[in-house]
Amino acid sequence: MKVCLDGLGEVCIFLGMTKKQINAAISHFNLEVAGKAGDGCYYFIDTKTGKAVSEAEPVWIGSMSHLNKSQWIEEAETAAKVRDEIVYLDTFEHPAIVVLRPRVY
């Protein structure tokens, strides 16, 4: 465990969670964390399809240990909701949706 001071003088505690621990904590969402240290970006893989949940926002942090367990669960829950909304919409037979934007002349 590391303790640091941020720019505001508040204490931050890095719990040092590993990818294995994070994936165990979020497994009930059928997601896994992907990415590696140094990339600064982590994303989620759907364990049922093996595909990235590309519609969900990536997690932009320098190291996995910068988020605690509850923060990783919150990020995974958000990604799962986005994934489930996309899958839900894909189950309907619908014509192409065209978004009309007003033109300014």
PDB file of N, CA and C in Angstrom:
ATOM      1  N   MET A   1       0.847  -1.166   0.000  1.00  0.00           N
ATOM      2  CA  MET A   1       0.000   0.000   0.000  1.00  0.00           C
ATOM      3  C   MET A   1       0.896   1.232   0.000  1.00  0.00           C
ATOM      4  N   LYS A   2       0.568   2.193  -0.876  1.00  0.00           N
ATOM      5  CA  LYS A   2       1.319   3.441  -0.950  1.00  0.00           C
ATOM      6  C   LYS A   2       0.405   4.581  -0.516  1.00  0.00           C
ATOM      7  N   VAL A   3       0.961   5.552   0.130  1.00  0.00           N
ATOM      8  CA  VAL A   3       0.218   6.744   0.518  1.00  0.00           C
ATOM      9  C   VAL A   3       0.916   7.938  -0.114  1.00  0.00           C
ATOM     10  N   CYS A   4       0.145   8.843  -0.693  1.00  0.00           N
ATOM     11  CA  CYS A   4       0.727  10.039  -1.292  1.00  0.00           C
ATOM     12  C   CYS A   4      -0.148  11.230  -0.975  1.00  0.00           C
ATOM     13  N   LEU A   5       0.360  12.406  -1.220  1.00  0.00           N
ATOM     14  CA  LEU A   5      -0.424  13.623  -1.087  1.00  0.00           C
ATOM     15  C   LEU A   5      -0.682  14.175  -2.472  1.00  0.00           C
ATOM     16  N   ASP A   6      -1.956  14.490  -2.750  1.00  0.00           N
ATOM     17  CA  ASP A   6      -2.238  15.109  -4.036  1.00  0.00           C
ATOM     18  C   ASP A   6      -1.990  16.615  -3.933  1.00  0.00           C
ATOM     19  N   GLY A   7      -2.231  17.330  -4.993  1.00  0.00           N
ATOM     20  CA  GLY A   7      -1.963  18.763  -5.023  1.00  0.00           C
ATOM     21  C   GLY A   7      -2.783  19.573  -4.034  1.00  0.00           C
ATOM     22  N   LEU A   8      -3.870  19.008  -3.530  1.00  0.00           N
ATOM     23  CA  LEU A   8      -4.722  19.734  -2.607  1.00  0.00           C
ATOM     24  C   LEU A   8      -4.408  19.414  -1.153  1.00  0.00           C
ATOM     25  N   GLY A   9      -3.385  18.616  -0.929  1.00  0.00           N
ATOM     26  CA  GLY A   9      -3.025  18.258   0.431  1.00  0.00           C
ATOM     27  C   GLY A   9      -3.869  17.136   1.010  1.00  0.00           C
ATOM     28  N   GLU A  10      -4.668  16.479   0.160  1.00  0.00           N
ATOM     29  CA  GLU A  10      -5.478  15.355   0.623  1.00  0.00           C
ATOM     30  C   GLU A  10      -4.691  14.068   0.449  1.00  0.00           C
ATOM     31  N   VAL A  11      -4.933  13.125   1.310  1.00  0.00           N
ATOM     32  CA  VAL A  11      -4.210  11.864   1.258  1.00  0.00           C
ATOM     33  C   VAL A  11      -4.914  10.906   0.303  1.00  0.00           C
ATOM     34  N   CYS A  12      -4.146  10.298  -0.592  1.00  0.00           N
ATOM     35  CA  CYS A  12      -4.647   9.267  -1.501  1.00  0.00           C
ATOM     36  C   CYS A  12      -4.026   7.945  -1.071  1.00  0.00           C
ATOM     37  N   ILE A  13      -4.790   6.900  -1.054  1.00  0.00           N
ATOM     38  CA  ILE A  13      -4.251   5.594  -0.701  1.00  0.00           C
ATOM     39  C   ILE A  13      -4.397   4.674  -1.908  1.00  0.00           C
ATOM     40  N   PHE A  14      -3.288   4.134  -2.384  1.00  0.00           N
ATOM     41  CA  PHE A  14      -3.307   3.187  -3.487  1.00  0.00           C
ATOM     42  C   PHE A  14      -3.251   1.788  -2.896  1.00  0.00           C
ATOM     43  N   LEU A  15      -4.266   1.010  -3.169  1.00  0.00           N
ATOM     44  CA  LEU A  15      -4.389  -0.293  -2.538  1.00  0.00           C
ATOM     45  C   LEU A  15      -3.600  -1.377  -3.238  1.00  0.00           C
ATOM     46  N   GLY A  16      -3.103  -1.119  -4.430  1.00  0.00           N
ATOM     47  CA  GLY A  16      -2.272  -2.087  -5.121  1.00  0.00           C
ATOM     48  C   GLY A  16      -3.004  -3.335  -5.572  1.00  0.00           C
ATOM     49  N   MET A  17      -4.231  -3.207  -6.056  1.00  0.00           N
ATOM     50  CA  MET A  17      -4.971  -4.375  -6.538  1.00  0.00           C
ATOM     51  C   MET A  17      -4.351  -4.893  -7.830  1.00  0.00           C
ATOM     52  N   THR A  18      -4.342  -6.183  -7.982  1.00  0.00           N
ATOM     53  CA  THR A  18      -3.829  -6.800  -9.194  1.00  0.00           C
ATOM     54  C   THR A  18      -4.968  -7.000 -10.191  1.00  0.00           C
ATOM     55  N   LYS A  19      -4.608  -7.269 -11.442  1.00  0.00           N
ATOM     56  CA  LYS A  19      -5.608  -7.528 -12.467  1.00  0.00           C
ATOM     57  C   LYS A  19      -6.479  -8.726 -12.068  1.00  0.00           C
ATOM     58  N   LYS A  20      -5.851  -9.746 -11.499  1.00  0.00           N
ATOM     59  CA  LYS A  20      -6.591 -10.939 -11.069  1.00  0.00           C
ATOM     60  C   LYS A  20      -7.629 -10.585  -9.996  1.00  0.00           C
ATOM     61  N   GLN A  21      -7.248  -9.763  -9.025  1.00  0.00           N
ATOM     62  CA  GLN A  21      -8.178  -9.352  -7.972  1.00  0.00           C
ATOM     63  C   GLN A  21      -9.316  -8.499  -8.530  1.00  0.00           C
ATOM     64  N   ILE A  22      -8.988  -7.611  -9.450  1.00  0.00           N
ATOM     65  CA  ILE A  22     -10.017  -6.755 -10.063  1.00  0.00           C
ATOM     66  C   ILE A  22     -10.985  -7.615 -10.860  1.00  0.00           C
ATOM     67  N   ASN A  23     -10.461  -8.528 -11.681  1.00  0.00           N
ATOM     68  CA  ASN A  23     -11.330  -9.384 -12.491  1.00  0.00           C
ATOM     69  C   ASN A  23     -12.220 -10.262 -11.626  1.00  0.00           C
ATOM     70  N   ALA A  24     -11.722 -10.714 -10.488  1.00  0.00           N
ATOM     71  CA  ALA A  24     -12.551 -11.497  -9.566  1.00  0.00           C
ATOM     72  C   ALA A  24     -13.684 -10.640  -9.002  1.00  0.00           C
ATOM     73  N   ALA A  25     -13.386  -9.368  -8.722  1.00  0.00           N
ATOM     74  CA  ALA A  25     -14.384  -8.464  -8.147  1.00  0.00           C
ATOM     75  C   ALA A  25     -15.475  -8.081  -9.137  1.00  0.00           C
ATOM     76  N   ILE A  26     -15.162  -8.107 -10.436  1.00  0.00           N
ATOM     77  CA  ILE A  26     -16.145  -7.679 -11.452  1.00  0.00           C
ATOM     78  C   ILE A  26     -16.680  -8.846 -12.281  1.00  0.00           C
ATOM     79  N   SER A  27     -16.350 -10.051 -11.919  1.00  0.00           N
ATOM     80  CA  SER A  27     -16.739 -11.218 -12.726  1.00  0.00           C
ATOM     81  C   SER A  27     -18.248 -11.374 -12.864  1.00  0.00           C
ATOM     82  N   HIS A  28     -19.016 -10.914 -11.883  1.00  0.00           N
ATOM     83  CA  HIS A  28     -20.475 -11.040 -11.965  1.00  0.00           C
ATOM     84  C   HIS A  28     -21.083 -10.166 -13.068  1.00  0.00           C
ATOM     85  N   PHE A  29     -20.294  -9.254 -13.633  1.00  0.00           N
ATOM     86  CA  PHE A  29     -20.745  -8.449 -14.780  1.00  0.00           C
ATOM     87  C   PHE A  29     -20.372  -9.122 -16.108  1.00  0.00           C
ATOM     88  N   ASN A  30     -19.706 -10.281 -16.041  1.00  0.00           N
ATOM     89  CA  ASN A  30     -19.191 -10.967 -17.234  1.00  0.00           C
ATOM     90  C   ASN A  30     -18.221 -10.067 -18.005  1.00  0.00           C
ATOM     91  N   LEU A  31     -17.371  -9.387 -17.247  1.00  0.00           N
ATOM     92  CA  LEU A  31     -16.359  -8.503 -17.820  1.00  0.00           C
ATOM     93  C   LEU A  31     -15.003  -8.823 -17.222  1.00  0.00           C
ATOM     94  N   GLU A  32     -13.958  -8.485 -17.984  1.00  0.00           N
ATOM     95  CA  GLU A  32     -12.584  -8.545 -17.503  1.00  0.00           C
ATOM     96  C   GLU A  32     -11.885  -7.258 -17.911  1.00  0.00           C
ATOM     97  N   VAL A  33     -10.907  -6.851 -17.126  1.00  0.00           N
ATOM     98  CA  VAL A  33     -10.104  -5.671 -17.442  1.00  0.00           C
ATOM     99  C   VAL A  33      -9.012  -6.078 -18.420  1.00  0.00           C
ATOM    100  N   ALA A  34      -8.788  -5.241 -19.420  1.00  0.00           N
ATOM    101  CA  ALA A  34      -7.707  -5.461 -20.378  1.00  0.00           C
ATOM    102  C   ALA A  34      -6.848  -4.205 -20.425  1.00  0.00           C
ATOM    103  N   GLY A  35      -5.611  -4.369 -20.841  1.00  0.00           N
ATOM    104  CA  GLY A  35      -4.651  -3.274 -20.888  1.00  0.00           C
ATOM    105  C   GLY A  35      -3.472  -3.642 -20.007  1.00  0.00           C
ATOM    106  N   LYS A  36      -2.416  -2.849 -20.098  1.00  0.00           N
ATOM    107  CA  LYS A  36      -1.250  -3.153 -19.273  1.00  0.00           C
ATOM    108  C   LYS A  36      -0.651  -1.873 -18.720  1.00  0.00           C
ATOM    109  N   ALA A  37       0.153  -2.045 -17.689  1.00  0.00           N
ATOM    110  CA  ALA A  37       0.774  -0.901 -17.036  1.00  0.00           C
ATOM    111  C   ALA A  37       1.597  -0.103 -18.048  1.00  0.00           C
ATOM    112  N   GLY A  38       1.536   1.181 -17.918  1.00  0.00           N
ATOM    113  CA  GLY A  38       2.287   2.053 -18.811  1.00  0.00           C
ATOM    114  C   GLY A  38       1.476   2.569 -19.983  1.00  0.00           C
ATOM    115  N   ASP A  39       0.397   1.865 -20.345  1.00  0.00           N
ATOM    116  CA  ASP A  39      -0.451   2.331 -21.447  1.00  0.00           C
ATOM    117  C   ASP A  39      -1.292   3.529 -21.026  1.00  0.00           C
ATOM    118  N   GLY A  40      -1.658   3.569 -19.751  1.00  0.00           N
ATOM    119  CA  GLY A  40      -2.489   4.662 -19.251  1.00  0.00           C
ATOM    120  C   GLY A  40      -3.948   4.502 -19.575  1.00  0.00           C
ATOM    121  N   CYS A  41      -4.317   3.373 -20.152  1.00  0.00           N
ATOM    122  CA  CYS A  41      -5.703   3.150 -20.559  1.00  0.00           C
ATOM    123  C   CYS A  41      -6.061   1.691 -20.338  1.00  0.00           C
ATOM    124  N   TYR A  42      -7.176   1.473 -19.668  1.00  0.00           N
ATOM    125  CA  TYR A  42      -7.696   0.125 -19.463  1.00  0.00           C
ATOM    126  C   TYR A  42      -9.118   0.083 -19.996  1.00  0.00           C
ATOM    127  N   TYR A  43      -9.527  -1.062 -20.491  1.00  0.00           N
ATOM    128  CA  TYR A  43     -10.867  -1.216 -21.044  1.00  0.00           C
ATOM    129  C   TYR A  43     -11.405  -2.574 -20.620  1.00  0.00           C
ATOM    130  N   PHE A  44     -12.643  -2.838 -20.979  1.00  0.00           N
ATOM    131  CA  PHE A  44     -13.299  -4.060 -20.543  1.00  0.00           C
ATOM    132  C   PHE A  44     -13.566  -5.003 -21.707  1.00  0.00           C
ATOM    133  N   ILE A  45     -13.388  -6.296 -21.432  1.00  0.00           N
ATOM    134  CA  ILE A  45     -13.667  -7.362 -22.387  1.00  0.00           C
ATOM    135  C   ILE A  45     -14.895  -8.122 -21.893  1.00  0.00           C
ATOM    136  N   ASP A  46     -15.845  -8.378 -22.777  1.00  0.00           N
ATOM    137  CA  ASP A  46     -17.003  -9.207 -22.448  1.00  0.00           C
ATOM    138  C   ASP A  46     -16.544 -10.660 -22.422  1.00  0.00           C
ATOM    139  N   THR A  47     -16.666 -11.327 -21.285  1.00  0.00           N
ATOM    140  CA  THR A  47     -16.163 -12.694 -21.163  1.00  0.00           C
ATOM    141  C   THR A  47     -17.013 -13.697 -21.941  1.00  0.00           C
ATOM    142  N   LYS A  48     -18.251 -13.344 -22.279  1.00  0.00           N
ATOM    143  CA  LYS A  48     -19.098 -14.255 -23.058  1.00  0.00           C
ATOM    144  C   LYS A  48     -18.718 -14.246 -24.537  1.00  0.00           C
ATOM    145  N   THR A  49     -18.359 -13.074 -25.058  1.00  0.00           N
ATOM    146  CA  THR A  49     -18.048 -12.959 -26.486  1.00  0.00           C
ATOM    147  C   THR A  49     -16.554 -12.859 -26.761  1.00  0.00           C
ATOM    148  N   GLY A  50     -15.780 -12.471 -25.755  1.00  0.00           N
ATOM    149  CA  GLY A  50     -14.345 -12.266 -25.950  1.00  0.00           C
ATOM    150  C   GLY A  50     -14.023 -10.965 -26.665  1.00  0.00           C
ATOM    151  N   LYS A  51     -15.022 -10.104 -26.850  1.00  0.00           N
ATOM    152  CA  LYS A  51     -14.824  -8.833 -27.557  1.00  0.00           C
ATOM    153  C   LYS A  51     -14.777  -7.674 -26.575  1.00  0.00           C
ATOM    154  N   ALA A  52     -14.061  -6.636 -26.966  1.00  0.00           N
ATOM    155  CA  ALA A  52     -13.996  -5.429 -26.157  1.00  0.00           C
ATOM    156  C   ALA A  52     -15.355  -4.744 -26.143  1.00  0.00           C
ATOM    157  N   VAL A  53     -15.699  -4.158 -25.027  1.00  0.00           N
ATOM    158  CA  VAL A  53     -16.913  -3.345 -24.937  1.00  0.00           C
ATOM    159  C   VAL A  53     -16.512  -1.952 -25.421  1.00  0.00           C
ATOM    160  N   SER A  54     -16.443  -1.815 -26.734  1.00  0.00           N
ATOM    161  CA  SER A  54     -15.874  -0.604 -27.340  1.00  0.00           C
ATOM    162  C   SER A  54     -16.772   0.617 -27.179  1.00  0.00           C
ATOM    163  N   GLU A  55     -18.045   0.408 -26.900  1.00  0.00           N
ATOM    164  CA  GLU A  55     -18.957   1.536 -26.723  1.00  0.00           C
ATOM    165  C   GLU A  55     -18.770   2.201 -25.365  1.00  0.00           C
ATOM    166  N   ALA A  56     -18.178   1.484 -24.420  1.00  0.00           N
ATOM    167  CA  ALA A  56     -17.972   2.026 -23.073  1.00  0.00           C
ATOM    168  C   ALA A  56     -16.691   2.856 -23.036  1.00  0.00           C
ATOM    169  N   GLU A  57     -16.694   3.857 -22.187  1.00  0.00           N
ATOM    170  CA  GLU A  57     -15.511   4.699 -22.020  1.00  0.00           C
ATOM    171  C   GLU A  57     -14.372   3.893 -21.410  1.00  0.00           C
ATOM    172  N   PRO A  58     -13.159   4.043 -21.917  1.00  0.00           N
ATOM    173  CA  PRO A  58     -12.015   3.387 -21.265  1.00  0.00           C
ATOM    174  C   PRO A  58     -11.713   4.075 -19.937  1.00  0.00           C
ATOM    175  N   VAL A  59     -10.964   3.407 -19.110  1.00  0.00           N
ATOM    176  CA  VAL A  59     -10.551   3.957 -17.820  1.00  0.00           C
ATOM    177  C   VAL A  59      -9.140   4.522 -18.011  1.00  0.00           C
ATOM    178  N   TRP A  60      -9.013   5.842 -17.943  1.00  0.00           N
ATOM    179  CA  TRP A  60      -7.741   6.510 -18.211  1.00  0.00           C
ATOM    180  C   TRP A  60      -6.990   6.732 -16.904  1.00  0.00           C
ATOM    181  N   ILE A  61      -6.136   5.783 -16.548  1.00  0.00           N
ATOM    182  CA  ILE A  61      -5.310   5.896 -15.348  1.00  0.00           C
ATOM    183  C   ILE A  61      -3.937   5.319 -15.653  1.00  0.00           C
ATOM    184  N   GLY A  62      -2.934   5.742 -14.908  1.00  0.00           N
ATOM    185  CA  GLY A  62      -1.569   5.281 -15.143  1.00  0.00           C
ATOM    186  C   GLY A  62      -1.328   3.860 -14.678  1.00  0.00           C
ATOM    187  N   SER A  63      -2.023   3.451 -13.637  1.00  0.00           N
ATOM    188  CA  SER A  63      -1.821   2.124 -13.072  1.00  0.00           C
ATOM    189  C   SER A  63      -3.140   1.614 -12.503  1.00  0.00           C
ATOM    190  N   MET A  64      -3.343   0.307 -12.574  1.00  0.00           N
ATOM    191  CA  MET A  64      -4.566  -0.279 -12.030  1.00  0.00           C
ATOM    192  C   MET A  64      -4.744   0.027 -10.555  1.00  0.00           C
ATOM    193  N   SER A  65      -3.643   0.188  -9.860  1.00  0.00           N
ATOM    194  CA  SER A  65      -3.707   0.418  -8.423  1.00  0.00           C
ATOM    195  C   SER A  65      -4.202   1.815  -8.057  1.00  0.00           C
ATOM    196  N   HIS A  66      -4.418   2.669  -9.045  1.00  0.00           N
ATOM    197  CA  HIS A  66      -4.904   4.014  -8.757  1.00  0.00           C
ATOM    198  C   HIS A  66      -6.387   4.044  -8.439  1.00  0.00           C
ATOM    199  N   LEU A  67      -7.093   2.939  -8.691  1.00  0.00           N
ATOM    200  CA  LEU A  67      -8.499   2.835  -8.302  1.00  0.00           C
ATOM    201  C   LEU A  67      -8.635   1.742  -7.260  1.00  0.00           C
ATOM    202  N   ASN A  68      -9.541   1.949  -6.320  1.00  0.00           N
ATOM    203  CA  ASN A  68      -9.776   0.904  -5.333  1.00  0.00           C
ATOM    204  C   ASN A  68     -10.863  -0.056  -5.850  1.00  0.00           C
ATOM    205  N   LYS A  69     -11.164  -1.051  -5.069  1.00  0.00           N
ATOM    206  CA  LYS A  69     -12.106  -2.090  -5.495  1.00  0.00           C
ATOM    207  C   LYS A  69     -13.475  -1.515  -5.850  1.00  0.00           C
ATOM    208  N   SER A  70     -14.003  -0.652  -5.021  1.00  0.00           N
ATOM    209  CA  SER A  70     -15.340  -0.106  -5.293  1.00  0.00           C
ATOM    210  C   SER A  70     -15.350   0.759  -6.548  1.00  0.00           C
ATOM    211  N   GLN A  71     -14.258   1.454  -6.828  1.00  0.00           N
ATOM    212  CA  GLN A  71     -14.187   2.264  -8.048  1.00  0.00           C
ATOM    213  C   GLN A  71     -14.133   1.377  -9.290  1.00  0.00           C
ATOM    214  N   TRP A  72     -13.389   0.267  -9.230  1.00  0.00           N
ATOM    215  CA  TRP A  72     -13.354  -0.668 -10.356  1.00  0.00           C
ATOM    216  C   TRP A  72     -14.729  -1.284 -10.580  1.00  0.00           C
ATOM    217  N   ILE A  73     -15.426  -1.611  -9.502  1.00  0.00           N
ATOM    218  CA  ILE A  73     -16.774  -2.175  -9.636  1.00  0.00           C
ATOM    219  C   ILE A  73     -17.706  -1.156 -10.280  1.00  0.00           C
ATOM    220  N   GLU A  74     -17.586   0.095  -9.890  1.00  0.00           N
ATOM    221  CA  GLU A  74     -18.410   1.154 -10.483  1.00  0.00           C
ATOM    222  C   GLU A  74     -18.115   1.317 -11.977  1.00  0.00           C
ATOM    223  N   GLU A  75     -16.837   1.307 -12.345  1.00  0.00           N
ATOM    224  CA  GLU A  75     -16.463   1.402 -13.762  1.00  0.00           C
ATOM    225  C   GLU A  75     -17.011   0.214 -14.557  1.00  0.00           C
ATOM    226  N   ALA A  76     -16.909  -0.985 -13.995  1.00  0.00           N
ATOM    227  CA  ALA A  76     -17.400  -2.186 -14.671  1.00  0.00           C
ATOM    228  C   ALA A  76     -18.917  -2.159 -14.793  1.00  0.00           C
ATOM    229  N   GLU A  77     -19.592  -1.685 -13.766  1.00  0.00           N
ATOM    230  CA  GLU A  77     -21.056  -1.599 -13.808  1.00  0.00           C
ATOM    231  C   GLU A  77     -21.509  -0.667 -14.928  1.00  0.00           C
ATOM    232  N   THR A  78     -20.820   0.460 -15.082  1.00  0.00           N
ATOM    233  CA  THR A  78     -21.134   1.403 -16.156  1.00  0.00           C
ATOM    234  C   THR A  78     -20.907   0.757 -17.524  1.00  0.00           C
ATOM    235  N   ALA A  79     -19.782   0.069 -17.690  1.00  0.00           N
ATOM    236  CA  ALA A  79     -19.484  -0.610 -18.959  1.00  0.00           C
ATOM    237  C   ALA A  79     -20.520  -1.698 -19.247  1.00  0.00           C
ATOM    238  N   ALA A  80     -20.943  -2.424 -18.228  1.00  0.00           N
ATOM    239  CA  ALA A  80     -21.945  -3.480 -18.414  1.00  0.00           C
ATOM    240  C   ALA A  80     -23.280  -2.891 -18.843  1.00  0.00           C
ATOM    241  N   LYS A  81     -23.660  -1.759 -18.275  1.00  0.00           N
ATOM    242  CA  LYS A  81     -24.918  -1.105 -18.664  1.00  0.00           C
ATOM    243  C   LYS A  81     -24.868  -0.678 -20.128  1.00  0.00           C
ATOM    244  N   VAL A  82     -23.746  -0.090 -20.535  1.00  0.00           N
ATOM    245  CA  VAL A  82     -23.588   0.330 -21.933  1.00  0.00           C
ATOM    246  C   VAL A  82     -23.675  -0.889 -22.846  1.00  0.00           C
ATOM    247  N   ARG A  83     -22.941  -1.960 -22.504  1.00  0.00           N
ATOM    248  CA  ARG A  83     -22.955  -3.188 -23.294  1.00  0.00           C
ATOM    249  C   ARG A  83     -24.372  -3.760 -23.400  1.00  0.00           C
ATOM    250  N   ASP A  84     -25.077  -3.813 -22.281  1.00  0.00           N
ATOM    251  CA  ASP A  84     -26.414  -4.396 -22.263  1.00  0.00           C
ATOM    252  C   ASP A  84     -27.411  -3.567 -23.059  1.00  0.00           C
ATOM    253  N   GLU A  85     -27.253  -2.247 -23.054  1.00  0.00           N
ATOM    254  CA  GLU A  85     -28.123  -1.390 -23.857  1.00  0.00           C
ATOM    255  C   GLU A  85     -27.897  -1.643 -25.334  1.00  0.00           C
ATOM    256  N   ILE A  86     -26.655  -1.796 -25.759  1.00  0.00           N
ATOM    257  CA  ILE A  86     -26.341  -2.053 -27.164  1.00  0.00           C
ATOM    258  C   ILE A  86     -26.898  -3.409 -27.585  1.00  0.00           C
ATOM    259  N   VAL A  87     -26.687  -4.433 -26.767  1.00  0.00           N
ATOM    260  CA  VAL A  87     -27.200  -5.771 -27.076  1.00  0.00           C
ATOM    261  C   VAL A  87     -28.714  -5.744 -27.144  1.00  0.00           C
ATOM    262  N   TYR A  88     -29.360  -5.026 -26.225  1.00  0.00           N
ATOM    263  CA  TYR A  88     -30.816  -4.926 -26.201  1.00  0.00           C
ATOM    264  C   TYR A  88     -31.330  -4.286 -27.487  1.00  0.00           C
ATOM    265  N   LEU A  89     -30.695  -3.213 -27.915  1.00  0.00           N
ATOM    266  CA  LEU A  89     -31.121  -2.544 -29.143  1.00  0.00           C
ATOM    267  C   LEU A  89     -30.904  -3.429 -30.368  1.00  0.00           C
ATOM    268  N   ASP A  90     -29.842  -4.229 -30.374  1.00  0.00           N
ATOM    269  CA  ASP A  90     -29.554  -5.098 -31.511  1.00  0.00           C
ATOM    270  C   ASP A  90     -30.535  -6.250 -31.639  1.00  0.00           C
ATOM    271  N   THR A  91     -31.315  -6.543 -30.603  1.00  0.00           N
ATOM    272  CA  THR A  91     -32.255  -7.655 -30.678  1.00  0.00           C
ATOM    273  C   THR A  91     -33.533  -7.284 -31.423  1.00  0.00           C
ATOM    274  N   PHE A  92     -33.780  -6.002 -31.630  1.00  0.00           N
ATOM    275  CA  PHE A  92     -34.967  -5.565 -32.346  1.00  0.00           C
ATOM    276  C   PHE A  92     -34.695  -5.481 -33.842  1.00  0.00           C
ATOM    277  N   GLU A  93     -35.706  -5.821 -34.609  1.00  0.00           N
ATOM    278  CA  GLU A  93     -35.609  -5.583 -36.044  1.00  0.00           C
ATOM    279  C   GLU A  93     -36.143  -4.180 -36.277  1.00  0.00           C
ATOM    280  N   HIS A  94     -35.294  -3.329 -36.731  1.00  0.00           N
ATOM    281  CA  HIS A  94     -35.713  -1.950 -36.948  1.00  0.00           C
ATOM    282  C   HIS A  94     -35.012  -1.405 -38.178  1.00  0.00           C
ATOM    283  N   PRO A  95     -35.665  -0.445 -38.848  1.00  0.00           N
ATOM    284  CA  PRO A  95     -35.001   0.189 -39.994  1.00  0.00           C
ATOM    285  C   PRO A  95     -33.845   1.053 -39.511  1.00  0.00           C
ATOM    286  N   ALA A  96     -33.020   1.418 -40.433  1.00  0.00           N
ATOM    287  CA  ALA A  96     -31.892   2.284 -40.086  1.00  0.00           C
ATOM    288  C   ALA A  96     -32.409   3.582 -39.470  1.00  0.00           C
ATOM    289  N   ILE A  97     -31.758   4.034 -38.468  1.00  0.00           N
ATOM    290  CA  ILE A  97     -32.153   5.270 -37.803  1.00  0.00           C
ATOM    291  C   ILE A  97     -31.309   6.398 -38.387  1.00  0.00           C
ATOM    292  N   VAL A  98     -31.997   7.412 -38.862  1.00  0.00           N
ATOM    293  CA  VAL A  98     -31.312   8.564 -39.437  1.00  0.00           C
ATOM    294  C   VAL A  98     -31.528   9.746 -38.498  1.00  0.00           C
ATOM    295  N   VAL A  99     -30.458  10.356 -38.078  1.00  0.00           N
ATOM    296  CA  VAL A  99     -30.556  11.519 -37.209  1.00  0.00           C
ATOM    297  C   VAL A  99     -30.514  12.763 -38.087  1.00  0.00           C
ATOM    298  N   LEU A 100     -31.565  13.531 -37.999  1.00  0.00           N
ATOM    299  CA  LEU A 100     -31.634  14.768 -38.775  1.00  0.00           C
ATOM    300  C   LEU A 100     -31.181  15.924 -37.908  1.00  0.00           C
ATOM    301  N   ARG A 101     -30.254  16.689 -38.432  1.00  0.00           N
ATOM    302  CA  ARG A 101     -29.773  17.851 -37.707  1.00  0.00           C
ATOM    303  C   ARG A 101     -30.191  19.117 -38.474  1.00  0.00           C
ATOM    304  N   PRO A 102     -30.640  20.122 -37.736  1.00  0.00           N
ATOM    305  CA  PRO A 102     -31.038  21.349 -38.431  1.00  0.00           C
ATOM    306  C   PRO A 102     -29.836  22.008 -39.094  1.00  0.00           C
ATOM    307  N   ARG A 103     -30.089  22.612 -40.207  1.00  0.00           N
ATOM    308  CA  ARG A 103     -29.025  23.323 -40.908  1.00  0.00           C
ATOM    309  C   ARG A 103     -29.169  24.803 -40.652  1.00  0.00           C
ATOM    310  N   VAL A 104     -28.059  25.451 -40.499  1.00  0.00           N
ATOM    311  CA  VAL A 104     -28.055  26.884 -40.301  1.00  0.00           C
ATOM    312  C   VAL A 104     -27.452  27.510 -41.540  1.00  0.00           C
ATOM    313  N   TYR A 105     -28.184  28.469 -42.131  1.00  0.00           N
ATOM    314  CA  TYR A 105     -27.695  29.129 -43.331  1.00  0.00           C
ATOM    315  C   TYR A 105     -27.407  30.576 -43.047  1.00  0.00           C
TER     316      TYR A 105
END
